[in-house]
PDB file of N, CA and C in Angstrom:
ATOM      1  N   MET A   1     -20.143  -9.698  33.446  1.00  0.00           N
ATOM      2  CA  MET A   1     -20.067 -11.474  33.969  1.00  0.00           C
ATOM      3  C   MET A   1     -21.437 -11.683  35.235  1.00  0.00           C
ATOM      4  N   LYS A   2     -22.681 -12.799  34.609  1.00  0.00           N
ATOM      5  CA  LYS A   2     -23.099 -12.713  35.224  1.00  0.00           C
ATOM      6  C   LYS A   2     -22.996 -12.986  37.435  1.00  0.00           C
ATOM      7  N   LYS A   3     -24.716 -12.480  37.842  1.00  0.00           N
ATOM      8  CA  LYS A   3     -24.777 -12.849  38.733  1.00  0.00           C
ATOM      9  C   LYS A   3     -25.054 -14.286  39.687  1.00  0.00           C
ATOM     10  N   VAL A   4     -23.846 -14.965  40.197  1.00  0.00           N
ATOM     11  CA  VAL A   4     -24.190 -16.151  40.350  1.00  0.00           C
ATOM     12  C   VAL A   4     -25.267 -16.730  40.745  1.00  0.00           C
ATOM     13  N   GLY A   5     -26.217 -15.995  41.620  1.00  0.00           N
ATOM     14  CA  GLY A   5     -27.200 -17.036  41.958  1.00  0.00           C
ATOM     15  C   GLY A   5     -28.179 -16.804  41.109  1.00  0.00           C
ATOM     16  N   GLU A   6     -28.274 -15.838  39.529  1.00  0.00           N
ATOM     17  CA  GLU A   6     -28.430 -15.971  38.559  1.00  0.00           C
ATOM     18  C   GLU A   6     -28.567 -17.633  38.022  1.00  0.00           C
ATOM     19  N   ASN A   7     -26.227 -17.432  37.853  1.00  0.00           N
ATOM     20  CA  ASN A   7     -26.046 -18.838  37.313  1.00  0.00           C
ATOM     21  C   ASN A   7     -26.094 -20.224  38.048  1.00  0.00           C
ATOM     22  N   LEU A   8     -26.493 -19.780  38.770  1.00  0.00           N
ATOM     23  CA  LEU A   8     -27.390 -21.254  39.050  1.00  0.00           C
ATOM     24  C   LEU A   8     -28.831 -22.189  39.224  1.00  0.00           C
ATOM     25  N   LYS A   9     -29.301 -21.095  39.727  1.00  0.00           N
ATOM     26  CA  LYS A   9     -30.778 -20.918  39.276  1.00  0.00           C
ATOM     27  C   LYS A   9     -30.011 -21.666  37.919  1.00  0.00           C
ATOM     28  N   LEU A  10     -29.831 -21.394  36.621  1.00  0.00           N
ATOM     29  CA  LEU A  10     -29.962 -21.128  34.574  1.00  0.00           C
ATOM     30  C   LEU A  10     -29.236 -22.719  34.647  1.00  0.00           C
ATOM     31  N   THR A  11     -27.254 -23.346  35.779  1.00  0.00           N
ATOM     32  CA  THR A  11     -27.295 -24.579  36.191  1.00  0.00           C
ATOM     33  C   THR A  11     -27.946 -25.784  36.082  1.00  0.00           C
ATOM     34  N   ARG A  12     -28.837 -25.095  37.496  1.00  0.00           N
ATOM     35  CA  ARG A  12     -30.193 -26.319  38.092  1.00  0.00           C
ATOM     36  C   ARG A  12     -31.527 -26.759  36.747  1.00  0.00           C
ATOM     37  N   VAL A  13     -31.429 -25.360  35.935  1.00  0.00           N
ATOM     38  CA  VAL A  13     -32.264 -25.628  34.866  1.00  0.00           C
ATOM     39  C   VAL A  13     -31.593 -26.585  33.493  1.00  0.00           C
ATOM     40  N   GLU A  14     -30.874 -25.963  33.453  1.00  0.00           N
ATOM     41  CA  GLU A  14     -30.525 -26.472  32.692  1.00  0.00           C
ATOM     42  C   GLU A  14     -29.746 -27.955  32.700  1.00  0.00           C
ATOM     43  N   ASN A  15     -30.253 -28.840  33.688  1.00  0.00           N
ATOM     44  CA  ASN A  15     -29.443 -30.002  33.666  1.00  0.00           C
ATOM     45  C   ASN A  15     -30.518 -31.195  34.777  1.00  0.00           C
ATOM     46  N   ASN A  16     -32.131 -29.553  34.225  1.00  0.00           N
ATOM     47  CA  ASN A  16     -33.705 -30.600  34.462  1.00  0.00           C
ATOM     48  C   ASN A  16     -33.186 -30.718  35.965  1.00  0.00           C
ATOM     49  N   LYS A  17     -33.531 -30.419  37.151  1.00  0.00           N
ATOM     50  CA  LYS A  17     -32.738 -30.074  38.904  1.00  0.00           C
ATOM     51  C   LYS A  17     -33.215 -29.740  39.574  1.00  0.00           C
ATOM     52  N   SER A  18     -34.364 -30.123  40.183  1.00  0.00           N
ATOM     53  CA  SER A  18     -35.735 -29.125  41.650  1.00  0.00           C
ATOM     54  C   SER A  18     -34.439 -29.006  42.506  1.00  0.00           C
ATOM     55  N   ILE A  19     -34.602 -27.910  43.274  1.00  0.00           N
ATOM     56  CA  ILE A  19     -33.803 -27.850  44.700  1.00  0.00           C
ATOM     57  C   ILE A  19     -34.118 -28.468  45.495  1.00  0.00           C
ATOM     58  N   TYR A  20     -35.204 -29.912  45.174  1.00  0.00           N
ATOM     59  CA  TYR A  20     -35.637 -30.738  46.653  1.00  0.00           C
ATOM     60  C   TYR A  20     -34.454 -32.208  45.974  1.00  0.00           C
ATOM     61  N   ASP A  21     -33.679 -32.323  44.697  1.00  0.00           N
ATOM     62  CA  ASP A  21     -33.153 -32.643  43.634  1.00  0.00           C
ATOM     63  C   ASP A  21     -31.288 -32.513  45.000  1.00  0.00           C
ATOM     64  N   ILE A  22     -31.670 -31.653  44.472  1.00  0.00           N
ATOM     65  CA  ILE A  22     -29.939 -31.111  45.109  1.00  0.00           C
ATOM     66  C   ILE A  22     -29.930 -31.554  46.642  1.00  0.00           C
ATOM     67  N   GLU A  23     -30.450 -31.090  47.404  1.00  0.00           N
ATOM     68  CA  GLU A  23     -30.961 -30.997  48.792  1.00  0.00           C
ATOM     69  C   GLU A  23     -30.223 -32.473  48.554  1.00  0.00           C
ATOM     70  N   LYS A  24     -31.572 -33.048  47.955  1.00  0.00           N
ATOM     71  CA  LYS A  24     -31.268 -34.359  48.612  1.00  0.00           C
ATOM     72  C   LYS A  24     -29.904 -35.672  48.434  1.00  0.00           C
ATOM     73  N   GLU A  25     -28.711 -34.923  46.981  1.00  0.00           N
ATOM     74  CA  GLU A  25     -28.279 -36.100  46.557  1.00  0.00           C
ATOM     75  C   GLU A  25     -26.861 -34.569  47.079  1.00  0.00           C
ATOM     76  N   LEU A  26     -26.759 -33.411  47.746  1.00  0.00           N
ATOM     77  CA  LEU A  26     -26.042 -33.239  48.329  1.00  0.00           C
ATOM     78  C   LEU A  26     -25.600 -32.672  49.187  1.00  0.00           C
ATOM     79  N   LYS A  27     -26.510 -32.909  50.040  1.00  0.00           N
ATOM     80  CA  LYS A  27     -26.939 -32.176  52.088  1.00  0.00           C
ATOM     81  C   LYS A  27     -27.276 -31.550  51.722  1.00  0.00           C
ATOM     82  N   ILE A  28     -27.311 -29.910  51.013  1.00  0.00           N
ATOM     83  CA  ILE A  28     -27.435 -28.713  50.992  1.00  0.00           C
ATOM     84  C   ILE A  28     -29.034 -28.887  51.764  1.00  0.00           C
ATOM     85  N   SER A  29     -29.294 -28.104  52.274  1.00  0.00           N
ATOM     86  CA  SER A  29     -30.722 -27.819  52.324  1.00  0.00           C
ATOM     87  C   SER A  29     -31.097 -26.433  51.243  1.00  0.00           C
ATOM     88  N   HIS A  30     -32.603 -26.902  51.286  1.00  0.00           N
ATOM     89  CA  HIS A  30     -32.995 -25.861  49.991  1.00  0.00           C
ATOM     90  C   HIS A  30     -33.068 -24.875  51.619  1.00  0.00           C
ATOM     91  N   GLN A  31     -33.363 -24.936  52.252  1.00  0.00           N
ATOM     92  CA  GLN A  31     -33.632 -22.919  51.927  1.00  0.00           C
ATOM     93  C   GLN A  31     -32.375 -22.236  51.854  1.00  0.00           C
ATOM     94  N   ASN A  32     -30.909 -23.054  51.571  1.00  0.00           N
ATOM     95  CA  ASN A  32     -30.009 -21.758  51.142  1.00  0.00           C
ATOM     96  C   ASN A  32     -29.465 -22.357  49.965  1.00  0.00           C
ATOM     97  N   LEU A  33     -30.344 -23.078  49.816  1.00  0.00           N
ATOM     98  CA  LEU A  33     -29.735 -23.361  47.350  1.00  0.00           C
ATOM     99  C   LEU A  33     -31.087 -22.207  47.184  1.00  0.00           C
ATOM    100  N   TYR A  34     -32.601 -21.732  47.917  1.00  0.00           N
ATOM    101  CA  TYR A  34     -32.889 -21.190  47.195  1.00  0.00           C
ATOM    102  C   TYR A  34     -32.824 -19.626  47.600  1.00  0.00           C
ATOM    103  N   LYS A  35     -31.700 -19.150  48.492  1.00  0.00           N
ATOM    104  CA  LYS A  35     -30.607 -17.959  49.444  1.00  0.00           C
ATOM    105  C   LYS A  35     -29.740 -17.403  48.311  1.00  0.00           C
ATOM    106  N   TRP A  36     -29.310 -18.419  48.105  1.00  0.00           N
ATOM    107  CA  TRP A  36     -28.525 -18.331  46.971  1.00  0.00           C
ATOM    108  C   TRP A  36     -28.917 -18.052  45.374  1.00  0.00           C
ATOM    109  N   GLU A  37     -30.010 -18.432  44.950  1.00  0.00           N
ATOM    110  CA  GLU A  37     -30.627 -18.690  44.166  1.00  0.00           C
ATOM    111  C   GLU A  37     -31.546 -16.396  43.554  1.00  0.00           C
ATOM    112  N   LYS A  38     -31.372 -16.488  44.221  1.00  0.00           N
ATOM    113  CA  LYS A  38     -32.086 -15.774  44.950  1.00  0.00           C
ATOM    114  C   LYS A  38     -31.458 -13.557  45.411  1.00  0.00           C
ATOM    115  N   GLY A  39     -30.331 -14.780  45.532  1.00  0.00           N
ATOM    116  CA  GLY A  39     -29.497 -12.961  45.735  1.00  0.00           C
ATOM    117  C   GLY A  39     -28.524 -13.336  47.329  1.00  0.00           C
ATOM    118  N   GLN A  40     -29.372 -14.043  48.028  1.00  0.00           N
ATOM    119  CA  GLN A  40     -29.987 -12.801  49.048  1.00  0.00           C
ATOM    120  C   GLN A  40     -28.473 -13.222  50.047  1.00  0.00           C
ATOM    121  N   SER A  41     -27.973 -14.507  49.051  1.00  0.00           N
ATOM    122  CA  SER A  41     -26.897 -14.874  49.953  1.00  0.00           C
ATOM    123  C   SER A  41     -25.726 -15.553  49.268  1.00  0.00           C
ATOM    124  N   GLU A  42     -24.703 -15.667  49.350  1.00  0.00           N
ATOM    125  CA  GLU A  42     -24.112 -16.634  48.673  1.00  0.00           C
ATOM    126  C   GLU A  42     -22.564 -17.981  48.792  1.00  0.00           C
ATOM    127  N   PRO A  43     -22.786 -19.165  48.451  1.00  0.00           N
ATOM    128  CA  PRO A  43     -22.287 -20.406  49.109  1.00  0.00           C
ATOM    129  C   PRO A  43     -20.492 -20.055  49.501  1.00  0.00           C
ATOM    130  N   SER A  44     -20.181 -21.143  50.322  1.00  0.00           N
ATOM    131  CA  SER A  44     -19.807 -21.119  50.790  1.00  0.00           C
ATOM    132  C   SER A  44     -18.631 -21.375  49.483  1.00  0.00           C
ATOM    133  N   ILE A  45     -17.187 -21.969  49.351  1.00  0.00           N
ATOM    134  CA  ILE A  45     -16.220 -22.087  48.391  1.00  0.00           C
ATOM    135  C   ILE A  45     -16.387 -23.757  48.402  1.00  0.00           C
ATOM    136  N   ILE A  46     -16.960 -24.170  49.048  1.00  0.00           N
ATOM    137  CA  ILE A  46     -16.791 -25.842  49.134  1.00  0.00           C
ATOM    138  C   ILE A  46     -18.060 -26.448  48.062  1.00  0.00           C
ATOM    139  N   ASN A  47     -19.455 -25.447  49.297  1.00  0.00           N
ATOM    140  CA  ASN A  47     -20.236 -25.894  48.531  1.00  0.00           C
ATOM    141  C   ASN A  47     -21.124 -25.719  46.561  1.00  0.00           C
ATOM    142  N   CYS A  48     -19.460 -24.484  46.546  1.00  0.00           N
ATOM    143  CA  CYS A  48     -19.352 -24.192  45.184  1.00  0.00           C
ATOM    144  C   CYS A  48     -18.343 -25.538  44.568  1.00  0.00           C
ATOM    145  N   ILE A  49     -17.352 -25.968  44.969  1.00  0.00           N
ATOM    146  CA  ILE A  49     -16.984 -27.439  44.706  1.00  0.00           C
ATOM    147  C   ILE A  49     -18.171 -27.888  44.464  1.00  0.00           C
ATOM    148  N   LYS A  50     -18.851 -28.608  45.182  1.00  0.00           N
ATOM    149  CA  LYS A  50     -19.484 -29.649  45.262  1.00  0.00           C
ATOM    150  C   LYS A  50     -20.574 -28.872  44.082  1.00  0.00           C
ATOM    151  N   LEU A  51     -21.241 -28.422  44.093  1.00  0.00           N
ATOM    152  CA  LEU A  51     -22.394 -28.402  42.275  1.00  0.00           C
ATOM    153  C   LEU A  51     -21.415 -28.263  41.268  1.00  0.00           C
ATOM    154  N   ALA A  52     -20.126 -27.429  41.569  1.00  0.00           N
ATOM    155  CA  ALA A  52     -19.735 -27.717  40.306  1.00  0.00           C
ATOM    156  C   ALA A  52     -19.151 -29.133  39.098  1.00  0.00           C
ATOM    157  N   ASP A  53     -18.539 -30.285  40.640  1.00  0.00           N
ATOM    158  CA  ASP A  53     -18.217 -31.750  40.272  1.00  0.00           C
ATOM    159  C   ASP A  53     -19.175 -32.640  40.393  1.00  0.00           C
ATOM    160  N   TYR A  54     -20.779 -32.017  40.533  1.00  0.00           N
ATOM    161  CA  TYR A  54     -21.935 -32.139  40.393  1.00  0.00           C
ATOM    162  C   TYR A  54     -22.577 -32.279  39.190  1.00  0.00           C
ATOM    163  N   TYR A  55     -22.976 -31.196  38.481  1.00  0.00           N
ATOM    164  CA  TYR A  55     -22.479 -30.373  36.882  1.00  0.00           C
ATOM    165  C   TYR A  55     -22.000 -30.748  35.997  1.00  0.00           C
ATOM    166  N   GLY A  56     -20.997 -31.383  36.871  1.00  0.00           N
ATOM    167  CA  GLY A  56     -19.902 -31.953  35.939  1.00  0.00           C
ATOM    168  C   GLY A  56     -18.983 -30.415  34.483  1.00  0.00           C
ATOM    169  N   ILE A  57     -18.722 -29.141  35.864  1.00  0.00           N
ATOM    170  CA  ILE A  57     -17.921 -27.468  35.047  1.00  0.00           C
ATOM    171  C   ILE A  57     -17.510 -27.472  36.300  1.00  0.00           C
ATOM    172  N   SER A  58     -16.573 -26.137  35.281  1.00  0.00           N
ATOM    173  CA  SER A  58     -15.927 -25.750  36.394  1.00  0.00           C
ATOM    174  C   SER A  58     -16.750 -24.455  37.413  1.00  0.00           C
ATOM    175  N   LEU A  59     -15.445 -24.111  38.288  1.00  0.00           N
ATOM    176  CA  LEU A  59     -16.139 -22.767  38.780  1.00  0.00           C
ATOM    177  C   LEU A  59     -15.943 -22.058  38.700  1.00  0.00           C
ATOM    178  N   ASP A  60     -15.255 -21.208  37.614  1.00  0.00           N
ATOM    179  CA  ASP A  60     -16.230 -20.516  36.724  1.00  0.00           C
ATOM    180  C   ASP A  60     -17.365 -20.378  35.862  1.00  0.00           C
ATOM    181  N   GLU A  61     -17.766 -21.307  35.605  1.00  0.00           N
ATOM    182  CA  GLU A  61     -18.489 -21.930  34.611  1.00  0.00           C
ATOM    183  C   GLU A  61     -19.813 -21.957  35.603  1.00  0.00           C
ATOM    184  N   LEU A  62     -19.837 -21.808  36.760  1.00  0.00           N
ATOM    185  CA  LEU A  62     -20.530 -22.259  37.652  1.00  0.00           C
ATOM    186  C   LEU A  62     -21.384 -21.178  38.357  1.00  0.00           C
ATOM    187  N   VAL A  63     -20.378 -19.752  38.132  1.00  0.00           N
ATOM    188  CA  VAL A  63     -20.538 -18.528  38.970  1.00  0.00           C
ATOM    189  C   VAL A  63     -20.333 -17.508  37.899  1.00  0.00           C
ATOM    190  N   GLY A  64     -20.660 -17.799  36.682  1.00  0.00           N
ATOM    191  CA  GLY A  64     -21.266 -17.400  35.303  1.00  0.00           C
ATOM    192  C   GLY A  64     -20.196 -16.636  35.111  1.00  0.00           C
ATOM    193  N   ARG A  65     -17.869 -16.688  35.509  1.00  0.00           N
ATOM    194  CA  ARG A  65     -16.980 -15.655  34.754  1.00  0.00           C
ATOM    195  C   ARG A  65     -17.414 -15.851  33.828  1.00  0.00           C
ATOM    196  N   GLU A  66     -16.905 -15.415  33.004  1.00  0.00           N
ATOM    197  CA  GLU A  66     -16.591 -15.166  31.451  1.00  0.00           C
ATOM    198  C   GLU A  66     -15.029 -15.096  31.028  1.00  0.00           C
ATOM    199  N   LYS A  67     -14.863 -15.532  30.057  1.00  0.00           N
ATOM    200  CA  LYS A  67     -12.319 -14.904  29.991  1.00  0.00           C
ATOM    201  C   LYS A  67     -13.078 -13.477  29.319  1.00  0.00           C
TER     202      LYS A  67
END
């Protein structure tokens, strides 16, 4: 399983989004986004749901969980 932060960043980059795009569209602070991507903290389940919905993927895909 990939680390959550690594997968958050990979998903964002694959979708051609900047941290500031996400901040503006989802109202999640860029400071939190940076911390999550660097593995300094992890997003709440509510924020994971927002991000997964935004990207049109499952929560498993968002956090890099493999079956």
